Amino acid sequence: MTTNGHTNGTNGASKTLDWTKFSNVINGELRQTSETRHSINPSTLEENPEVPVSTQKDIDDAVNAARAAADAWADKSIAERQKAVQAYADGLDALKDDFAKMLTKEQGKPVRSRKRI
């Protein structure tokens, strides 16, 4: 995915990560739902972006996809698993500031500086 200059790919594909539009991700696909909801930023009282409300079918589809993926994951070597987990961690690390901003909007808490004096 691409956001603020960071690129993380799934199966070699790049996608833009938009922090104002949310979808379910099931079996590597973005899925919309018929119902959404939003929370309120407690520090500003502004509405946060709409998020999907999952149905039982969404949950069942996600669980079935995860079960199918578990078989393929089990066939991977330890080195392949380590590489995949490290790539995932690197992707999250590249987006940590974006995650911090979104969590701040959801919780209303300030972002603590990483610099310590």
PDB file of N, CA and C in Angstrom:
ATOM      1  N   MET A   1       0.847  -1.179   0.000  1.00  0.00           N
ATOM      2  CA  MET A   1       0.000   0.000   0.000  1.00  0.00           C
ATOM      3  C   MET A   1       0.886   1.234   0.000  1.00  0.00           C
ATOM      4  N   THR A   2       0.346   2.315  -0.478  1.00  0.00           N
ATOM      5  CA  THR A   2       1.112   3.545  -0.549  1.00  0.00           C
ATOM      6  C   THR A   2       0.416   4.616   0.272  1.00  0.00           C
ATOM      7  N   THR A   3       1.177   5.286   1.096  1.00  0.00           N
ATOM      8  CA  THR A   3       0.670   6.428   1.827  1.00  0.00           C
ATOM      9  C   THR A   3       1.845   7.298   2.231  1.00  0.00           C
ATOM     10  N   ASN A   4       1.712   8.566   2.063  1.00  0.00           N
ATOM     11  CA  ASN A   4       2.762   9.505   2.453  1.00  0.00           C
ATOM     12  C   ASN A   4       4.142   9.046   1.996  1.00  0.00           C
ATOM     13  N   GLY A   5       4.226   8.498   0.787  1.00  0.00           N
ATOM     14  CA  GLY A   5       5.505   8.093   0.242  1.00  0.00           C
ATOM     15  C   GLY A   5       5.947   6.700   0.634  1.00  0.00           C
ATOM     16  N   HIS A   6       5.197   6.006   1.456  1.00  0.00           N
ATOM     17  CA  HIS A   6       5.559   4.655   1.871  1.00  0.00           C
ATOM     18  C   HIS A   6       4.836   3.654   0.977  1.00  0.00           C
ATOM     19  N   THR A   7       5.558   2.622   0.545  1.00  0.00           N
ATOM     20  CA  THR A   7       4.938   1.615  -0.308  1.00  0.00           C
ATOM     21  C   THR A   7       5.075   0.247   0.333  1.00  0.00           C
ATOM     22  N   ASN A   8       3.967  -0.425   0.466  1.00  0.00           N
ATOM     23  CA  ASN A   8       3.934  -1.796   0.936  1.00  0.00           C
ATOM     24  C   ASN A   8       3.055  -2.546  -0.052  1.00  0.00           C
ATOM     25  N   GLY A   9       3.540  -3.651  -0.558  1.00  0.00           N
ATOM     26  CA  GLY A   9       2.777  -4.364  -1.575  1.00  0.00           C
ATOM     27  C   GLY A   9       2.241  -5.680  -1.082  1.00  0.00           C
ATOM     28  N   THR A  10       1.122  -6.084  -1.664  1.00  0.00           N
ATOM     29  CA  THR A  10       0.566  -7.398  -1.463  1.00  0.00           C
ATOM     30  C   THR A  10       0.539  -8.047  -2.828  1.00  0.00           C
ATOM     31  N   ASN A  11       1.254  -9.135  -2.980  1.00  0.00           N
ATOM     32  CA  ASN A  11       1.351  -9.794  -4.279  1.00  0.00           C
ATOM     33  C   ASN A  11       1.871  -8.845  -5.348  1.00  0.00           C
ATOM     34  N   GLY A  12       2.761  -7.942  -4.967  1.00  0.00           N
ATOM     35  CA  GLY A  12       3.377  -7.032  -5.921  1.00  0.00           C
ATOM     36  C   GLY A  12       2.511  -5.840  -6.292  1.00  0.00           C
ATOM     37  N   ALA A  13       1.288  -5.774  -5.781  1.00  0.00           N
ATOM     38  CA  ALA A  13       0.398  -4.669  -6.130  1.00  0.00           C
ATOM     39  C   ALA A  13       0.528  -3.549  -5.114  1.00  0.00           C
ATOM     40  N   SER A  14       0.465  -2.327  -5.590  1.00  0.00           N
ATOM     41  CA  SER A  14       0.496  -1.170  -4.703  1.00  0.00           C
ATOM     42  C   SER A  14      -0.881  -0.550  -4.680  1.00  0.00           C
ATOM     43  N   LYS A  15      -1.301  -0.124  -3.511  1.00  0.00           N
ATOM     44  CA  LYS A  15      -2.590   0.527  -3.354  1.00  0.00           C
ATOM     45  C   LYS A  15      -2.400   1.731  -2.453  1.00  0.00           C
ATOM     46  N   THR A  16      -3.257   2.705  -2.593  1.00  0.00           N
ATOM     47  CA  THR A  16      -3.184   3.896  -1.759  1.00  0.00           C
ATOM     48  C   THR A  16      -3.975   3.658  -0.486  1.00  0.00           C
ATOM     49  N   LEU A  17      -3.356   3.947   0.635  1.00  0.00           N
ATOM     50  CA  LEU A  17      -4.025   3.818   1.920  1.00  0.00           C
ATOM     51  C   LEU A  17      -4.603   5.180   2.276  1.00  0.00           C
ATOM     52  N   ASP A  18      -5.904   5.267   2.245  1.00  0.00           N
ATOM     53  CA  ASP A  18      -6.615   6.510   2.514  1.00  0.00           C
ATOM     54  C   ASP A  18      -7.151   6.443   3.941  1.00  0.00           C
ATOM     55  N   TRP A  19      -6.691   7.322   4.798  1.00  0.00           N
ATOM     56  CA  TRP A  19      -7.064   7.307   6.210  1.00  0.00           C
ATOM     57  C   TRP A  19      -8.427   7.951   6.459  1.00  0.00           C
ATOM     58  N   THR A  20      -9.183   8.221   5.396  1.00  0.00           N
ATOM     59  CA  THR A  20     -10.534   8.753   5.557  1.00  0.00           C
ATOM     60  C   THR A  20     -11.591   7.792   5.032  1.00  0.00           C
ATOM     61  N   LYS A  21     -11.160   6.695   4.407  1.00  0.00           N
ATOM     62  CA  LYS A  21     -12.093   5.699   3.859  1.00  0.00           C
ATOM     63  C   LYS A  21     -11.642   4.318   4.315  1.00  0.00           C
ATOM     64  N   PHE A  22     -12.562   3.605   4.966  1.00  0.00           N
ATOM     65  CA  PHE A  22     -12.216   2.310   5.530  1.00  0.00           C
ATOM     66  C   PHE A  22     -13.077   1.206   4.934  1.00  0.00           C
ATOM     67  N   SER A  23     -12.487   0.042   4.794  1.00  0.00           N
ATOM     68  CA  SER A  23     -13.153  -1.139   4.252  1.00  0.00           C
ATOM     69  C   SER A  23     -12.712  -2.347   5.062  1.00  0.00           C
ATOM     70  N   ASN A  24     -13.461  -3.411   4.945  1.00  0.00           N
ATOM     71  CA  ASN A  24     -12.984  -4.688   5.451  1.00  0.00           C
ATOM     72  C   ASN A  24     -11.981  -5.222   4.442  1.00  0.00           C
ATOM     73  N   VAL A  25     -10.999  -5.960   4.908  1.00  0.00           N
ATOM     74  CA  VAL A  25     -10.073  -6.659   4.024  1.00  0.00           C
ATOM     75  C   VAL A  25     -10.297  -8.142   4.279  1.00  0.00           C
ATOM     76  N   ILE A  26     -10.845  -8.820   3.278  1.00  0.00           N
ATOM     77  CA  ILE A  26     -11.153 -10.239   3.401  1.00  0.00           C
ATOM     78  C   ILE A  26     -10.535 -10.950   2.212  1.00  0.00           C
ATOM     79  N   ASN A  27      -9.661 -11.890   2.504  1.00  0.00           N
ATOM     80  CA  ASN A  27      -8.971 -12.657   1.470  1.00  0.00           C
ATOM     81  C   ASN A  27      -8.211 -11.737   0.511  1.00  0.00           C
ATOM     82  N   GLY A  28      -7.621 -10.681   1.071  1.00  0.00           N
ATOM     83  CA  GLY A  28      -6.828  -9.757   0.274  1.00  0.00           C
ATOM     84  C   GLY A  28      -7.635  -8.775  -0.549  1.00  0.00           C
ATOM     85  N   GLU A  29      -8.937  -8.753  -0.370  1.00  0.00           N
ATOM     86  CA  GLU A  29      -9.810  -7.850  -1.135  1.00  0.00           C
ATOM     87  C   GLU A  29     -10.452  -6.825  -0.209  1.00  0.00           C
ATOM     88  N   LEU A  30     -10.570  -5.584  -0.695  1.00  0.00           N
ATOM     89  CA  LEU A  30     -11.291  -4.558   0.046  1.00  0.00           C
ATOM     90  C   LEU A  30     -12.778  -4.769  -0.179  1.00  0.00           C
ATOM     91  N   ARG A  31     -13.530  -4.816   0.914  1.00  0.00           N
ATOM     92  CA  ARG A  31     -14.982  -5.021   0.804  1.00  0.00           C
ATOM     93  C   ARG A  31     -15.724  -3.945   1.568  1.00  0.00           C
ATOM     94  N   GLN A  32     -16.744  -3.424   0.934  1.00  0.00           N
ATOM     95  CA  GLN A  32     -17.620  -2.450   1.566  1.00  0.00           C
ATOM     96  C   GLN A  32     -18.762  -3.186   2.255  1.00  0.00           C
ATOM     97  N   THR A  33     -19.423  -2.509   3.158  1.00  0.00           N
ATOM     98  CA  THR A  33     -20.587  -3.069   3.835  1.00  0.00           C
ATOM     99  C   THR A  33     -21.778  -2.141   3.606  1.00  0.00           C
ATOM    100  N   SER A  34     -22.966  -2.691   3.768  1.00  0.00           N
ATOM    101  CA  SER A  34     -24.153  -1.869   3.550  1.00  0.00           C
ATOM    102  C   SER A  34     -24.377  -0.891   4.700  1.00  0.00           C
ATOM    103  N   GLU A  35     -23.824  -1.194   5.853  1.00  0.00           N
ATOM    104  CA  GLU A  35     -23.980  -0.318   7.017  1.00  0.00           C
ATOM    105  C   GLU A  35     -22.607   0.156   7.489  1.00  0.00           C
ATOM    106  N   THR A  36     -22.542   1.428   7.886  1.00  0.00           N
ATOM    107  CA  THR A  36     -21.323   1.997   8.449  1.00  0.00           C
ATOM    108  C   THR A  36     -21.668   2.748   9.733  1.00  0.00           C
ATOM    109  N   ARG A  37     -20.637   3.113  10.453  1.00  0.00           N
ATOM    110  CA  ARG A  37     -20.807   3.921  11.659  1.00  0.00           C
ATOM    111  C   ARG A  37     -19.583   4.810  11.800  1.00  0.00           C
ATOM    112  N   HIS A  38     -19.649   5.756  12.691  1.00  0.00           N
ATOM    113  CA  HIS A  38     -18.484   6.597  12.962  1.00  0.00           C
ATOM    114  C   HIS A  38     -18.451   6.914  14.450  1.00  0.00           C
ATOM    115  N   SER A  39     -17.277   7.230  14.910  1.00  0.00           N
ATOM    116  CA  SER A  39     -17.108   7.671  16.290  1.00  0.00           C
ATOM    117  C   SER A  39     -16.856   9.174  16.268  1.00  0.00           C
ATOM    118  N   ILE A  40     -16.727   9.729  17.426  1.00  0.00           N
ATOM    119  CA  ILE A  40     -16.491  11.166  17.582  1.00  0.00           C
ATOM    120  C   ILE A  40     -15.102  11.365  18.185  1.00  0.00           C
ATOM    121  N   ASN A  41     -14.343  12.293  17.635  1.00  0.00           N
ATOM    122  CA  ASN A  41     -13.061  12.659  18.213  1.00  0.00           C
ATOM    123  C   ASN A  41     -13.368  13.374  19.527  1.00  0.00           C
ATOM    124  N   PRO A  42     -13.022  12.765  20.670  1.00  0.00           N
ATOM    125  CA  PRO A  42     -13.410  13.370  21.951  1.00  0.00           C
ATOM    126  C   PRO A  42     -12.745  14.705  22.249  1.00  0.00           C
ATOM    127  N   SER A  43     -11.624  15.002  21.602  1.00  0.00           N
ATOM    128  CA  SER A  43     -10.962  16.278  21.890  1.00  0.00           C
ATOM    129  C   SER A  43     -11.506  17.423  21.054  1.00  0.00           C
ATOM    130  N   THR A  44     -12.106  17.115  19.891  1.00  0.00           N
ATOM    131  CA  THR A  44     -12.629  18.174  19.026  1.00  0.00           C
ATOM    132  C   THR A  44     -14.141  18.070  18.810  1.00  0.00           C
ATOM    133  N   LEU A  45     -14.715  16.938  19.172  1.00  0.00           N
ATOM    134  CA  LEU A  45     -16.128  16.610  18.950  1.00  0.00           C
ATOM    135  C   LEU A  45     -16.488  16.525  17.461  1.00  0.00           C
ATOM    136  N   GLU A  46     -15.483  16.411  16.596  1.00  0.00           N
ATOM    137  CA  GLU A  46     -15.724  16.212  15.165  1.00  0.00           C
ATOM    138  C   GLU A  46     -15.949  14.733  14.893  1.00  0.00           C
ATOM    139  N   GLU A  47     -16.709  14.459  13.831  1.00  0.00           N
ATOM    140  CA  GLU A  47     -16.940  13.071  13.447  1.00  0.00           C
ATOM    141  C   GLU A  47     -15.681  12.474  12.832  1.00  0.00           C
ATOM    142  N   ASN A  48     -15.371  11.258  13.207  1.00  0.00           N
ATOM    143  CA  ASN A  48     -14.299  10.506  12.566  1.00  0.00           C
ATOM    144  C   ASN A  48     -14.865   9.867  11.298  1.00  0.00           C
ATOM    145  N   PRO A  49     -14.011   9.389  10.413  1.00  0.00           N
ATOM    146  CA  PRO A  49     -14.489   8.758   9.174  1.00  0.00           C
ATOM    147  C   PRO A  49     -15.388   7.549   9.446  1.00  0.00           C
ATOM    148  N   GLU A  50     -16.259   7.285   8.494  1.00  0.00           N
ATOM    149  CA  GLU A  50     -17.144   6.129   8.559  1.00  0.00           C
ATOM    150  C   GLU A  50     -16.328   4.846   8.492  1.00  0.00           C
ATOM    151  N   VAL A  51     -16.744   3.841   9.237  1.00  0.00           N
ATOM    152  CA  VAL A  51     -16.105   2.531   9.201  1.00  0.00           C
ATOM    153  C   VAL A  51     -17.176   1.471   8.958  1.00  0.00           C
ATOM    154  N   PRO A  52     -16.789   0.332   8.370  1.00  0.00           N
ATOM    155  CA  PRO A  52     -17.782  -0.696   8.073  1.00  0.00           C
ATOM    156  C   PRO A  52     -18.329  -1.375   9.329  1.00  0.00           C
ATOM    157  N   VAL A  53     -19.591  -1.755   9.264  1.00  0.00           N
ATOM    158  CA  VAL A  53     -20.205  -2.610  10.275  1.00  0.00           C
ATOM    159  C   VAL A  53     -20.341  -3.982   9.612  1.00  0.00           C
ATOM    160  N   SER A  54     -19.581  -4.933  10.114  1.00  0.00           N
ATOM    161  CA  SER A  54     -19.522  -6.251   9.482  1.00  0.00           C
ATOM    162  C   SER A  54     -20.748  -7.088   9.805  1.00  0.00           C
ATOM    163  N   THR A  55     -21.152  -7.875   8.835  1.00  0.00           N
ATOM    164  CA  THR A  55     -22.263  -8.814   9.013  1.00  0.00           C
ATOM    165  C   THR A  55     -21.690 -10.173   9.401  1.00  0.00           C
ATOM    166  N   GLN A  56     -22.553 -11.084   9.756  1.00  0.00           N
ATOM    167  CA  GLN A  56     -22.111 -12.446  10.056  1.00  0.00           C
ATOM    168  C   GLN A  56     -21.450 -13.065   8.834  1.00  0.00           C
ATOM    169  N   LYS A  57     -21.959 -12.764   7.628  1.00  0.00           N
ATOM    170  CA  LYS A  57     -21.347 -13.293   6.404  1.00  0.00           C
ATOM    171  C   LYS A  57     -19.929 -12.762   6.237  1.00  0.00           C
ATOM    172  N   ASP A  58     -19.714 -11.481   6.518  1.00  0.00           N
ATOM    173  CA  ASP A  58     -18.360 -10.914   6.449  1.00  0.00           C
ATOM    174  C   ASP A  58     -17.419 -11.672   7.389  1.00  0.00           C
ATOM    175  N   ILE A  59     -17.888 -11.914   8.581  1.00  0.00           N
ATOM    176  CA  ILE A  59     -17.070 -12.620   9.571  1.00  0.00           C
ATOM    177  C   ILE A  59     -16.788 -14.043   9.109  1.00  0.00           C
ATOM    178  N   ASP A  60     -17.817 -14.729   8.634  1.00  0.00           N
ATOM    179  CA  ASP A  60     -17.633 -16.102   8.152  1.00  0.00           C
ATOM    180  C   ASP A  60     -16.655 -16.143   6.985  1.00  0.00           C
ATOM    181  N   ASP A  61     -16.791 -15.198   6.051  1.00  0.00           N
ATOM    182  CA  ASP A  61     -15.871 -15.142   4.903  1.00  0.00           C
ATOM    183  C   ASP A  61     -14.433 -14.913   5.369  1.00  0.00           C
ATOM    184  N   ALA A  62     -14.248 -14.028   6.338  1.00  0.00           N
ATOM    185  CA  ALA A  62     -12.906 -13.736   6.841  1.00  0.00           C
ATOM    186  C   ALA A  62     -12.307 -14.953   7.546  1.00  0.00           C
ATOM    187  N   VAL A  63     -13.106 -15.632   8.342  1.00  0.00           N
ATOM    188  CA  VAL A  63     -12.616 -16.823   9.051  1.00  0.00           C
ATOM    189  C   VAL A  63     -12.270 -17.921   8.054  1.00  0.00           C
ATOM    190  N   ASN A  64     -13.112 -18.134   7.060  1.00  0.00           N
ATOM    191  CA  ASN A  64     -12.834 -19.157   6.049  1.00  0.00           C
ATOM    192  C   ASN A  64     -11.569 -18.829   5.261  1.00  0.00           C
ATOM    193  N   ALA A  65     -11.371 -17.563   4.924  1.00  0.00           N
ATOM    194  CA  ALA A  65     -10.158 -17.154   4.198  1.00  0.00           C
ATOM    195  C   ALA A  65      -8.924 -17.363   5.072  1.00  0.00           C
ATOM    196  N   ALA A  66      -9.050 -17.052   6.356  1.00  0.00           N
ATOM    197  CA  ALA A  66      -7.925 -17.241   7.276  1.00  0.00           C
ATOM    198  C   ALA A  66      -7.582 -18.723   7.432  1.00  0.00           C
ATOM    199  N   ARG A  67      -8.591 -19.557   7.497  1.00  0.00           N
ATOM    200  CA  ARG A  67      -8.339 -21.007   7.605  1.00  0.00           C
ATOM    201  C   ARG A  67      -7.625 -21.528   6.365  1.00  0.00           C
ATOM    202  N   ALA A  68      -8.061 -21.061   5.202  1.00  0.00           N
ATOM    203  CA  ALA A  68      -7.415 -21.482   3.946  1.00  0.00           C
ATOM    204  C   ALA A  68      -5.975 -20.968   3.888  1.00  0.00           C
ATOM    205  N   ALA A  69      -5.762 -19.752   4.337  1.00  0.00           N
ATOM    206  CA  ALA A  69      -4.414 -19.173   4.328  1.00  0.00           C
ATOM    207  C   ALA A  69      -3.498 -19.894   5.316  1.00  0.00           C
ATOM    208  N   ALA A  70      -4.054 -20.409   6.398  1.00  0.00           N
ATOM    209  CA  ALA A  70      -3.248 -21.109   7.395  1.00  0.00           C
ATOM    210  C   ALA A  70      -2.574 -22.336   6.794  1.00  0.00           C
ATOM    211  N   ASP A  71      -3.252 -23.020   5.901  1.00  0.00           N
ATOM    212  CA  ASP A  71      -2.648 -24.190   5.245  1.00  0.00           C
ATOM    213  C   ASP A  71      -1.437 -23.783   4.416  1.00  0.00           C
ATOM    214  N   ALA A  72      -1.565 -22.713   3.648  1.00  0.00           N
ATOM    215  CA  ALA A  72      -0.444 -22.236   2.824  1.00  0.00           C
ATOM    216  C   ALA A  72       0.690 -21.743   3.721  1.00  0.00           C
ATOM    217  N   TRP A  73       0.351 -21.067   4.822  1.00  0.00           N
ATOM    218  CA  TRP A  73       1.362 -20.565   5.761  1.00  0.00           C
ATOM    219  C   TRP A  73       2.125 -21.733   6.390  1.00  0.00           C
ATOM    220  N   ALA A  74       1.428 -22.791   6.718  1.00  0.00           N
ATOM    221  CA  ALA A  74       2.059 -23.957   7.347  1.00  0.00           C
ATOM    222  C   ALA A  74       3.084 -24.603   6.421  1.00  0.00           C
ATOM    223  N   ASP A  75       2.895 -24.468   5.113  1.00  0.00           N
ATOM    224  CA  ASP A  75       3.823 -25.044   4.134  1.00  0.00           C
ATOM    225  C   ASP A  75       5.083 -24.195   3.942  1.00  0.00           C
ATOM    226  N   LYS A  76       5.103 -22.983   4.479  1.00  0.00           N
ATOM    227  CA  LYS A  76       6.260 -22.086   4.328  1.00  0.00           C
ATOM    228  C   LYS A  76       7.377 -22.489   5.287  1.00  0.00           C
ATOM    229  N   SER A  77       8.590 -22.292   4.852  1.00  0.00           N
ATOM    230  CA  SER A  77       9.741 -22.559   5.723  1.00  0.00           C
ATOM    231  C   SER A  77       9.822 -21.477   6.795  1.00  0.00           C
ATOM    232  N   ILE A  78      10.583 -21.756   7.832  1.00  0.00           N
ATOM    233  CA  ILE A  78      10.780 -20.765   8.901  1.00  0.00           C
ATOM    234  C   ILE A  78      11.377 -19.487   8.316  1.00  0.00           C
ATOM    235  N   ALA A  79      12.346 -19.614   7.415  1.00  0.00           N
ATOM    236  CA  ALA A  79      12.972 -18.432   6.811  1.00  0.00           C
ATOM    237  C   ALA A  79      11.948 -17.606   6.034  1.00  0.00           C
ATOM    238  N   GLU A  80      11.041 -18.267   5.306  1.00  0.00           N
ATOM    239  CA  GLU A  80      10.010 -17.534   4.559  1.00  0.00           C
ATOM    240  C   GLU A  80       9.044 -16.840   5.514  1.00  0.00           C
ATOM    241  N   ARG A  81       8.710 -17.512   6.601  1.00  0.00           N
ATOM    242  CA  ARG A  81       7.818 -16.903   7.594  1.00  0.00           C
ATOM    243  C   ARG A  81       8.477 -15.689   8.239  1.00  0.00           C
ATOM    244  N   GLN A  82       9.751 -15.840   8.603  1.00  0.00           N
ATOM    245  CA  GLN A  82      10.471 -14.713   9.212  1.00  0.00           C
ATOM    246  C   GLN A  82      10.506 -13.520   8.261  1.00  0.00           C
ATOM    247  N   LYS A  83      10.779 -13.785   7.001  1.00  0.00           N
ATOM    248  CA  LYS A  83      10.842 -12.707   6.008  1.00  0.00           C
ATOM    249  C   LYS A  83       9.479 -12.013   5.881  1.00  0.00           C
ATOM    250  N   ALA A  84       8.404 -12.791   5.857  1.00  0.00           N
ATOM    251  CA  ALA A  84       7.059 -12.219   5.732  1.00  0.00           C
ATOM    252  C   ALA A  84       6.691 -11.396   6.961  1.00  0.00           C
ATOM    253  N   VAL A  85       6.989 -11.923   8.144  1.00  0.00           N
ATOM    254  CA  VAL A  85       6.666 -11.199   9.378  1.00  0.00           C
ATOM    255  C   VAL A  85       7.499  -9.920   9.474  1.00  0.00           C
ATOM    256  N   GLN A  86       8.760  -9.987   9.072  1.00  0.00           N
ATOM    257  CA  GLN A  86       9.609  -8.792   9.097  1.00  0.00           C
ATOM    258  C   GLN A  86       9.102  -7.737   8.114  1.00  0.00           C
ATOM    259  N   ALA A  87       8.677  -8.165   6.933  1.00  0.00           N
ATOM    260  CA  ALA A  87       8.132  -7.224   5.946  1.00  0.00           C
ATOM    261  C   ALA A  87       6.863  -6.566   6.482  1.00  0.00           C
ATOM    262  N   TYR A  88       6.027  -7.333   7.162  1.00  0.00           N
ATOM    263  CA  TYR A  88       4.805  -6.790   7.767  1.00  0.00           C
ATOM    264  C   TYR A  88       5.167  -5.763   8.845  1.00  0.00           C
ATOM    265  N   ALA A  89       6.124  -6.118   9.702  1.00  0.00           N
ATOM    266  CA  ALA A  89       6.559  -5.197  10.757  1.00  0.00           C
ATOM    267  C   ALA A  89       7.146  -3.918  10.159  1.00  0.00           C
ATOM    268  N   ASP A  90       7.924  -4.057   9.092  1.00  0.00           N
ATOM    269  CA  ASP A  90       8.494  -2.884   8.427  1.00  0.00           C
ATOM    270  C   ASP A  90       7.386  -1.999   7.855  1.00  0.00           C
ATOM    271  N   GLY A  91       6.365  -2.628   7.285  1.00  0.00           N
ATOM    272  CA  GLY A  91       5.234  -1.872   6.743  1.00  0.00           C
ATOM    273  C   GLY A  91       4.500  -1.105   7.826  1.00  0.00           C
ATOM    274  N   LEU A  92       4.268  -1.749   8.962  1.00  0.00           N
ATOM    275  CA  LEU A  92       3.621  -1.063  10.080  1.00  0.00           C
ATOM    276  C   LEU A  92       4.482   0.078  10.605  1.00  0.00           C
ATOM    277  N   ASP A  93       5.782  -0.179  10.697  1.00  0.00           N
ATOM    278  CA  ASP A  93       6.701   0.850  11.187  1.00  0.00           C
ATOM    279  C   ASP A  93       6.701   2.071  10.267  1.00  0.00           C
ATOM    280  N   ALA A  94       6.631   1.839   8.964  1.00  0.00           N
ATOM    281  CA  ALA A  94       6.620   2.944   8.001  1.00  0.00           C
ATOM    282  C   ALA A  94       5.367   3.806   8.153  1.00  0.00           C
ATOM    283  N   LEU A  95       4.311   3.233   8.710  1.00  0.00           N
ATOM    284  CA  LEU A  95       3.042   3.948   8.852  1.00  0.00           C
ATOM    285  C   LEU A  95       2.751   4.366  10.292  1.00  0.00           C
ATOM    286  N   LYS A  96       3.730   4.238  11.179  1.00  0.00           N
ATOM    287  CA  LYS A  96       3.459   4.471  12.597  1.00  0.00           C
ATOM    288  C   LYS A  96       2.948   5.880  12.887  1.00  0.00           C
ATOM    289  N   ASP A  97       3.434   6.880  12.191  1.00  0.00           N
ATOM    290  CA  ASP A  97       2.946   8.242  12.425  1.00  0.00           C
ATOM    291  C   ASP A  97       1.493   8.388  11.984  1.00  0.00           C
ATOM    292  N   ASP A  98       1.145   7.751  10.862  1.00  0.00           N
ATOM    293  CA  ASP A  98      -0.244   7.781  10.387  1.00  0.00           C
ATOM    294  C   ASP A  98      -1.170   7.057  11.363  1.00  0.00           C
ATOM    295  N   PHE A  99      -0.718   5.901  11.878  1.00  0.00           N
ATOM    296  CA  PHE A  99      -1.510   5.191  12.874  1.00  0.00           C
ATOM    297  C   PHE A  99      -1.676   6.035  14.132  1.00  0.00           C
ATOM    298  N   ALA A 100      -0.631   6.690  14.561  1.00  0.00           N
ATOM    299  CA  ALA A 100      -0.698   7.530  15.764  1.00  0.00           C
ATOM    300  C   ALA A 100      -1.717   8.654  15.585  1.00  0.00           C
ATOM    301  N   LYS A 101      -1.731   9.285  14.423  1.00  0.00           N
ATOM    302  CA  LYS A 101      -2.700  10.362  14.164  1.00  0.00           C
ATOM    303  C   LYS A 101      -4.133   9.833  14.202  1.00  0.00           C
ATOM    304  N   MET A 102      -4.355   8.640  13.593  1.00  0.00           N
ATOM    305  CA  MET A 102      -5.702   8.086  13.576  1.00  0.00           C
ATOM    306  C   MET A 102      -6.140   7.684  14.978  1.00  0.00           C
ATOM    307  N   LEU A 103      -5.247   7.070  15.732  1.00  0.00           N
ATOM    308  CA  LEU A 103      -5.589   6.692  17.108  1.00  0.00           C
ATOM    309  C   LEU A 103      -5.880   7.915  17.966  1.00  0.00           C
ATOM    310  N   THR A 104      -5.157   8.995  17.724  1.00  0.00           N
ATOM    311  CA  THR A 104      -5.411  10.237  18.448  1.00  0.00           C
ATOM    312  C   THR A 104      -6.812  10.749  18.148  1.00  0.00           C
ATOM    313  N   LYS A 105      -7.221  10.666  16.891  1.00  0.00           N
ATOM    314  CA  LYS A 105      -8.572  11.105  16.525  1.00  0.00           C
ATOM    315  C   LYS A 105      -9.632  10.224  17.166  1.00  0.00           C
ATOM    316  N   GLU A 106      -9.354   8.936  17.283  1.00  0.00           N
ATOM    317  CA  GLU A 106     -10.326   8.026  17.892  1.00  0.00           C
ATOM    318  C   GLU A 106     -10.413   8.190  19.396  1.00  0.00           C
ATOM    319  N   GLN A 107      -9.272   8.416  20.043  1.00  0.00           N
ATOM    320  CA  GLN A 107      -9.220   8.415  21.501  1.00  0.00           C
ATOM    321  C   GLN A 107      -9.144   9.807  22.111  1.00  0.00           C
ATOM    322  N   GLY A 108      -8.716  10.788  21.317  1.00  0.00           N
ATOM    323  CA  GLY A 108      -8.587  12.139  21.831  1.00  0.00           C
ATOM    324  C   GLY A 108      -7.351  12.358  22.686  1.00  0.00           C
ATOM    325  N   LYS A 109      -6.453  11.379  22.725  1.00  0.00           N
ATOM    326  CA  LYS A 109      -5.239  11.499  23.528  1.00  0.00           C
ATOM    327  C   LYS A 109      -4.134  12.115  22.686  1.00  0.00           C
ATOM    328  N   PRO A 110      -3.263  12.892  23.285  1.00  0.00           N
ATOM    329  CA  PRO A 110      -2.144  13.446  22.522  1.00  0.00           C
ATOM    330  C   PRO A 110      -1.131  12.363  22.176  1.00  0.00           C
ATOM    331  N   VAL A 111      -0.403  12.579  21.097  1.00  0.00           N
ATOM    332  CA  VAL A 111       0.654  11.665  20.713  1.00  0.00           C
ATOM    333  C   VAL A 111       1.888  12.010  21.538  1.00  0.00           C
ATOM    334  N   ARG A 112       2.412  11.033  22.228  1.00  0.00           N
ATOM    335  CA  ARG A 112       3.596  11.243  23.054  1.00  0.00           C
ATOM    336  C   ARG A 112       4.831  11.285  22.158  1.00  0.00           C
ATOM    337  N   SER A 113       5.652  12.237  22.389  1.00  0.00           N
ATOM    338  CA  SER A 113       6.883  12.377  21.613  1.00  0.00           C
ATOM    339  C   SER A 113       7.783  11.186  21.869  1.00  0.00           C
ATOM    340  N   ARG A 114       8.438  10.716  20.802  1.00  0.00           N
ATOM    341  CA  ARG A 114       9.369   9.596  20.935  1.00  0.00           C
ATOM    342  C   ARG A 114      10.730  10.058  21.433  1.00  0.00           C
ATOM    343  N   LYS A 115      10.971  11.343  21.387  1.00  0.00           N
ATOM    344  CA  LYS A 115      12.259  11.874  21.833  1.00  0.00           C
ATOM    345  C   LYS A 115      12.220  12.053  23.346  1.00  0.00           C
ATOM    346  N   ARG A 116      13.187  11.498  23.983  1.00  0.00           N
ATOM    347  CA  ARG A 116      13.277  11.620  25.440  1.00  0.00           C
ATOM    348  C   ARG A 116      14.481  12.483  25.789  1.00  0.00           C
ATOM    349  N   ILE A 117      14.307  13.335  26.757  1.00  0.00           N
ATOM    350  CA  ILE A 117      15.400  14.221  27.173  1.00  0.00           C
ATOM    351  C   ILE A 117      16.047  13.675  28.423  1.00  0.00           C
TER     352      ILE A 117
END
